[in-house]
PDB file of N, CA and C in Angstrom:
ATOM      1  N   MET A   1      -0.314  32.321   3.952  1.00  0.00           N
ATOM      2  CA  MET A   1       0.673  31.716   4.817  1.00  0.00           C
ATOM      3  C   MET A   1       0.027  30.548   5.542  1.00  0.00           C
ATOM      4  N   LYS A   2       0.719  29.456   5.591  1.00  0.00           N
ATOM      5  CA  LYS A   2       0.194  28.282   6.273  1.00  0.00           C
ATOM      6  C   LYS A   2       0.158  28.529   7.770  1.00  0.00           C
ATOM      7  N   LYS A   3      -0.889  28.004   8.373  1.00  0.00           N
ATOM      8  CA  LYS A   3      -1.078  28.212   9.803  1.00  0.00           C
ATOM      9  C   LYS A   3       0.073  27.649  10.631  1.00  0.00           C
ATOM     10  N   GLU A   4       0.600  26.481  10.237  1.00  0.00           N
ATOM     11  CA  GLU A   4       1.666  25.869  11.021  1.00  0.00           C
ATOM     12  C   GLU A   4       2.950  26.688  11.009  1.00  0.00           C
ATOM     13  N   ASN A   5       3.127  27.524  10.012  1.00  0.00           N
ATOM     14  CA  ASN A   5       4.326  28.346   9.929  1.00  0.00           C
ATOM     15  C   ASN A   5       4.166  29.684  10.641  1.00  0.00           C
ATOM     16  N   ASN A   6       2.961  30.011  11.025  1.00  0.00           N
ATOM     17  CA  ASN A   6       2.694  31.311  11.623  1.00  0.00           C
ATOM     18  C   ASN A   6       3.514  31.548  12.881  1.00  0.00           C
ATOM     19  N   SER A   7       3.605  30.579  13.763  1.00  0.00           N
ATOM     20  CA  SER A   7       4.358  30.786  15.005  1.00  0.00           C
ATOM     21  C   SER A   7       5.846  30.943  14.717  1.00  0.00           C
ATOM     22  N   GLU A   8       6.341  30.233  13.722  1.00  0.00           N
ATOM     23  CA  GLU A   8       7.746  30.360  13.356  1.00  0.00           C
ATOM     24  C   GLU A   8       8.024  31.742  12.767  1.00  0.00           C
ATOM     25  N   VAL A   9       7.117  32.229  11.951  1.00  0.00           N
ATOM     26  CA  VAL A   9       7.282  33.564  11.367  1.00  0.00           C
ATOM     27  C   VAL A   9       7.232  34.619  12.461  1.00  0.00           C
ATOM     28  N   MET A  10       6.325  34.460  13.408  1.00  0.00           N
ATOM     29  CA  MET A  10       6.226  35.427  14.499  1.00  0.00           C
ATOM     30  C   MET A  10       7.496  35.423  15.344  1.00  0.00           C
ATOM     31  N   LYS A  11       8.098  34.268  15.548  1.00  0.00           N
ATOM     32  CA  LYS A  11       9.364  34.197  16.285  1.00  0.00           C
ATOM     33  C   LYS A  11      10.476  34.885  15.506  1.00  0.00           C
ATOM     34  N   LEU A  12      10.489  34.670  14.196  1.00  0.00           N
ATOM     35  CA  LEU A  12      11.486  35.327  13.358  1.00  0.00           C
ATOM     36  C   LEU A  12      11.326  36.844  13.401  1.00  0.00           C
ATOM     37  N   ILE A  13      10.105  37.312  13.367  1.00  0.00           N
ATOM     38  CA  ILE A  13       9.832  38.750  13.461  1.00  0.00           C
ATOM     39  C   ILE A  13      10.341  39.290  14.794  1.00  0.00           C
ATOM     40  N   GLU A  14      10.076  38.570  15.877  1.00  0.00           N
ATOM     41  CA  GLU A  14      10.519  38.998  17.215  1.00  0.00           C
ATOM     42  C   GLU A  14      12.043  39.083  17.284  1.00  0.00           C
ATOM     43  N   VAL A  15      12.714  38.063  16.794  1.00  0.00           N
ATOM     44  CA  VAL A  15      14.185  38.043  16.812  1.00  0.00           C
ATOM     45  C   VAL A  15      14.741  39.173  15.945  1.00  0.00           C
ATOM     46  N   THR A  16      14.122  39.398  14.811  1.00  0.00           N
ATOM     47  CA  THR A  16      14.570  40.466  13.910  1.00  0.00           C
ATOM     48  C   THR A  16      14.423  41.826  14.574  1.00  0.00           C
ATOM     49  N   ARG A  17      13.298  42.055  15.222  1.00  0.00           N
ATOM     50  CA  ARG A  17      13.097  43.323  15.933  1.00  0.00           C
ATOM     51  C   ARG A  17      14.142  43.512  17.034  1.00  0.00           C
ATOM     52  N   LYS A  18      14.437  42.444  17.772  1.00  0.00           N
ATOM     53  CA  LYS A  18      15.437  42.536  18.838  1.00  0.00           C
ATOM     54  C   LYS A  18      16.816  42.857  18.267  1.00  0.00           C
ATOM     55  N   PHE A  19      17.137  42.258  17.126  1.00  0.00           N
ATOM     56  CA  PHE A  19      18.418  42.537  16.488  1.00  0.00           C
ATOM     57  C   PHE A  19      18.507  44.004  16.083  1.00  0.00           C
ATOM     58  N   VAL A  20      17.452  44.524  15.468  1.00  0.00           N
ATOM     59  CA  VAL A  20      17.441  45.930  15.043  1.00  0.00           C
ATOM     60  C   VAL A  20      17.567  46.838  16.265  1.00  0.00           C
ATOM     61  N   ASP A  21      16.858  46.522  17.335  1.00  0.00           N
ATOM     62  CA  ASP A  21      16.963  47.312  18.570  1.00  0.00           C
ATOM     63  C   ASP A  21      18.389  47.291  19.115  1.00  0.00           C
ATOM     64  N   PHE A  22      19.009  46.116  19.115  1.00  0.00           N
ATOM     65  CA  PHE A  22      20.380  45.985  19.596  1.00  0.00           C
ATOM     66  C   PHE A  22      21.344  46.798  18.731  1.00  0.00           C
ATOM     67  N   ALA A  23      21.172  46.710  17.417  1.00  0.00           N
ATOM     68  CA  ALA A  23      22.026  47.479  16.512  1.00  0.00           C
ATOM     69  C   ALA A  23      21.836  48.980  16.728  1.00  0.00           C
ATOM     70  N   GLU A  24      20.606  49.386  16.987  1.00  0.00           N
ATOM     71  CA  GLU A  24      20.336  50.801  17.265  1.00  0.00           C
ATOM     72  C   GLU A  24      21.037  51.247  18.547  1.00  0.00           C
ATOM     73  N   THR A  25      21.053  50.395  19.551  1.00  0.00           N
ATOM     74  CA  THR A  25      21.760  50.697  20.795  1.00  0.00           C
ATOM     75  C   THR A  25      23.258  50.862  20.531  1.00  0.00           C
ATOM     76  N   LEU A  26      23.810  49.963  19.719  1.00  0.00           N
ATOM     77  CA  LEU A  26      25.228  50.075  19.366  1.00  0.00           C
ATOM     78  C   LEU A  26      25.512  51.392  18.653  1.00  0.00           C
ATOM     79  N   LEU A  27      24.612  51.782  17.780  1.00  0.00           N
ATOM     80  CA  LEU A  27      24.769  53.049  17.054  1.00  0.00           C
ATOM     81  C   LEU A  27      24.720  54.235  18.021  1.00  0.00           C
ATOM     82  N   LYS A  28      23.737  54.239  18.887  1.00  0.00           N
ATOM     83  CA  LYS A  28      23.567  55.351  19.829  1.00  0.00           C
ATOM     84  C   LYS A  28      24.732  55.484  20.798  1.00  0.00           C
ATOM     85  N   THR A  29      25.358  54.371  21.144  1.00  0.00           N
ATOM     86  CA  THR A  29      26.477  54.415  22.080  1.00  0.00           C
ATOM     87  C   THR A  29      27.816  54.616  21.371  1.00  0.00           C
ATOM     88  N   GLY A  30      27.778  54.718  20.060  1.00  0.00           N
ATOM     89  CA  GLY A  30      28.994  54.989  19.302  1.00  0.00           C
ATOM     90  C   GLY A  30      29.863  53.773  19.039  1.00  0.00           C
ATOM     91  N   LYS A  31      29.344  52.597  19.284  1.00  0.00           N
ATOM     92  CA  LYS A  31      30.133  51.388  19.067  1.00  0.00           C
ATOM     93  C   LYS A  31      30.160  50.962  17.599  1.00  0.00           C
ATOM     94  N   ILE A  32      29.190  51.450  16.830  1.00  0.00           N
ATOM     95  CA  ILE A  32      29.196  51.248  15.379  1.00  0.00           C
ATOM     96  C   ILE A  32      28.848  52.568  14.708  1.00  0.00           C
ATOM     97  N   THR A  33      29.190  52.680  13.446  1.00  0.00           N
ATOM     98  CA  THR A  33      28.879  53.897  12.685  1.00  0.00           C
ATOM     99  C   THR A  33      27.502  53.769  12.045  1.00  0.00           C
ATOM    100  N   GLN A  34      27.021  54.892  11.524  1.00  0.00           N
ATOM    101  CA  GLN A  34      25.747  54.896  10.822  1.00  0.00           C
ATOM    102  C   GLN A  34      25.803  53.943   9.617  1.00  0.00           C
ATOM    103  N   GLU A  35      26.919  53.953   8.921  1.00  0.00           N
ATOM    104  CA  GLU A  35      27.075  53.071   7.759  1.00  0.00           C
ATOM    105  C   GLU A  35      27.026  51.598   8.182  1.00  0.00           C
ATOM    106  N   GLN A  36      27.686  51.267   9.277  1.00  0.00           N
ATOM    107  CA  GLN A  36      27.648  49.890   9.768  1.00  0.00           C
ATOM    108  C   GLN A  36      26.224  49.497  10.156  1.00  0.00           C
ATOM    109  N   TYR A  37      25.537  50.415  10.824  1.00  0.00           N
ATOM    110  CA  TYR A  37      24.149  50.166  11.212  1.00  0.00           C
ATOM    111  C   TYR A  37      23.294  49.888   9.985  1.00  0.00           C
ATOM    112  N   GLN A  38      23.432  50.716   8.980  1.00  0.00           N
ATOM    113  CA  GLN A  38      22.638  50.542   7.765  1.00  0.00           C
ATOM    114  C   GLN A  38      22.951  49.218   7.079  1.00  0.00           C
ATOM    115  N   ASN A  39      24.234  48.864   7.032  1.00  0.00           N
ATOM    116  CA  ASN A  39      24.613  47.592   6.420  1.00  0.00           C
ATOM    117  C   ASN A  39      24.058  46.404   7.202  1.00  0.00           C
ATOM    118  N   MET A  40      24.039  46.519   8.510  1.00  0.00           N
ATOM    119  CA  MET A  40      23.586  45.424   9.362  1.00  0.00           C
ATOM    120  C   MET A  40      22.063  45.255   9.349  1.00  0.00           C
ATOM    121  N   THR A  41      21.346  46.349   9.133  1.00  0.00           N
ATOM    122  CA  THR A  41      19.892  46.295   9.319  1.00  0.00           C
ATOM    123  C   THR A  41      19.083  46.479   8.042  1.00  0.00           C
ATOM    124  N   LYS A  42      19.724  46.737   6.945  1.00  0.00           N
ATOM    125  CA  LYS A  42      19.004  47.012   5.695  1.00  0.00           C
ATOM    126  C   LYS A  42      17.982  45.913   5.367  1.00  0.00           C
ATOM    127  N   ASN A  43      18.427  44.674   5.308  1.00  0.00           N
ATOM    128  CA  ASN A  43      17.521  43.575   4.959  1.00  0.00           C
ATOM    129  C   ASN A  43      16.521  43.279   6.068  1.00  0.00           C
ATOM    130  N   LYS A  44      16.911  43.538   7.302  1.00  0.00           N
ATOM    131  CA  LYS A  44      15.986  43.309   8.413  1.00  0.00           C
ATOM    132  C   LYS A  44      14.823  44.286   8.366  1.00  0.00           C
ATOM    133  N   HIS A  45      15.121  45.557   8.062  1.00  0.00           N
ATOM    134  CA  HIS A  45      14.058  46.555   7.918  1.00  0.00           C
ATOM    135  C   HIS A  45      13.151  46.196   6.745  1.00  0.00           C
ATOM    136  N   ARG A  46      13.744  45.741   5.670  1.00  0.00           N
ATOM    137  CA  ARG A  46      12.956  45.340   4.495  1.00  0.00           C
ATOM    138  C   ARG A  46      12.017  44.181   4.865  1.00  0.00           C
ATOM    139  N   PHE A  47      12.522  43.197   5.583  1.00  0.00           N
ATOM    140  CA  PHE A  47      11.710  42.064   6.020  1.00  0.00           C
ATOM    141  C   PHE A  47      10.542  42.535   6.889  1.00  0.00           C
ATOM    142  N   LEU A  48      10.833  43.381   7.879  1.00  0.00           N
ATOM    143  CA  LEU A  48       9.778  43.872   8.761  1.00  0.00           C
ATOM    144  C   LEU A  48       8.750  44.690   7.990  1.00  0.00           C
ATOM    145  N   ASN A  49       9.208  45.513   7.063  1.00  0.00           N
ATOM    146  CA  ASN A  49       8.277  46.293   6.239  1.00  0.00           C
ATOM    147  C   ASN A  49       7.402  45.380   5.386  1.00  0.00           C
ATOM    148  N   ASP A  50       7.991  44.321   4.844  1.00  0.00           N
ATOM    149  CA  ASP A  50       7.210  43.357   4.059  1.00  0.00           C
ATOM    150  C   ASP A  50       6.145  42.689   4.920  1.00  0.00           C
ATOM    151  N   MET A  51       6.496  42.346   6.138  1.00  0.00           N
ATOM    152  CA  MET A  51       5.540  41.701   7.039  1.00  0.00           C
ATOM    153  C   MET A  51       4.406  42.666   7.398  1.00  0.00           C
ATOM    154  N   GLU A  52       4.731  43.944   7.567  1.00  0.00           N
ATOM    155  CA  GLU A  52       3.700  44.951   7.842  1.00  0.00           C
ATOM    156  C   GLU A  52       2.778  45.110   6.634  1.00  0.00           C
ATOM    157  N   ARG A  53       3.375  45.150   5.465  1.00  0.00           N
ATOM    158  CA  ARG A  53       2.591  45.334   4.241  1.00  0.00           C
ATOM    159  C   ARG A  53       1.657  44.144   4.011  1.00  0.00           C
ATOM    160  N   LYS A  54       2.093  42.960   4.388  1.00  0.00           N
ATOM    161  CA  LYS A  54       1.268  41.754   4.229  1.00  0.00           C
ATOM    162  C   LYS A  54       0.288  41.581   5.374  1.00  0.00           C
ATOM    163  N   LYS A  55       0.262  42.555   6.284  1.00  0.00           N
ATOM    164  CA  LYS A  55      -0.661  42.559   7.427  1.00  0.00           C
ATOM    165  C   LYS A  55      -0.385  41.413   8.402  1.00  0.00           C
ATOM    166  N   ILE A  56       0.848  40.937   8.424  1.00  0.00           N
ATOM    167  CA  ILE A  56       1.217  39.890   9.381  1.00  0.00           C
ATOM    168  C   ILE A  56       1.539  40.504  10.726  1.00  0.00           C
ATOM    169  N   ILE A  57       2.118  41.718  10.693  1.00  0.00           N
ATOM    170  CA  ILE A  57       2.387  42.452  11.924  1.00  0.00           C
ATOM    171  C   ILE A  57       1.934  43.881  11.731  1.00  0.00           C
ATOM    172  N   SER A  58       1.808  44.596  12.828  1.00  0.00           N
ATOM    173  CA  SER A  58       1.510  46.029  12.762  1.00  0.00           C
ATOM    174  C   SER A  58       2.670  46.781  13.368  1.00  0.00           C
ATOM    175  N   LYS A  59       2.792  48.019  12.988  1.00  0.00           N
ATOM    176  CA  LYS A  59       3.888  48.862  13.476  1.00  0.00           C
ATOM    177  C   LYS A  59       3.770  49.176  14.927  1.00  0.00           C
TER     178      LYS A  59
END
């Protein structure tokens, strides 16, 4: 990964984590269903897992 893109990737990771947290809050409060949560976060979880696997972030 190019160094100049590192800060942008880290910002994307931060925003993605916040989105997943927000979706989880919606799920816990009953504002969305489990299926909606899964549809909303499937690719976001995959992205975060890929970043962990590439050692860009840690869990």
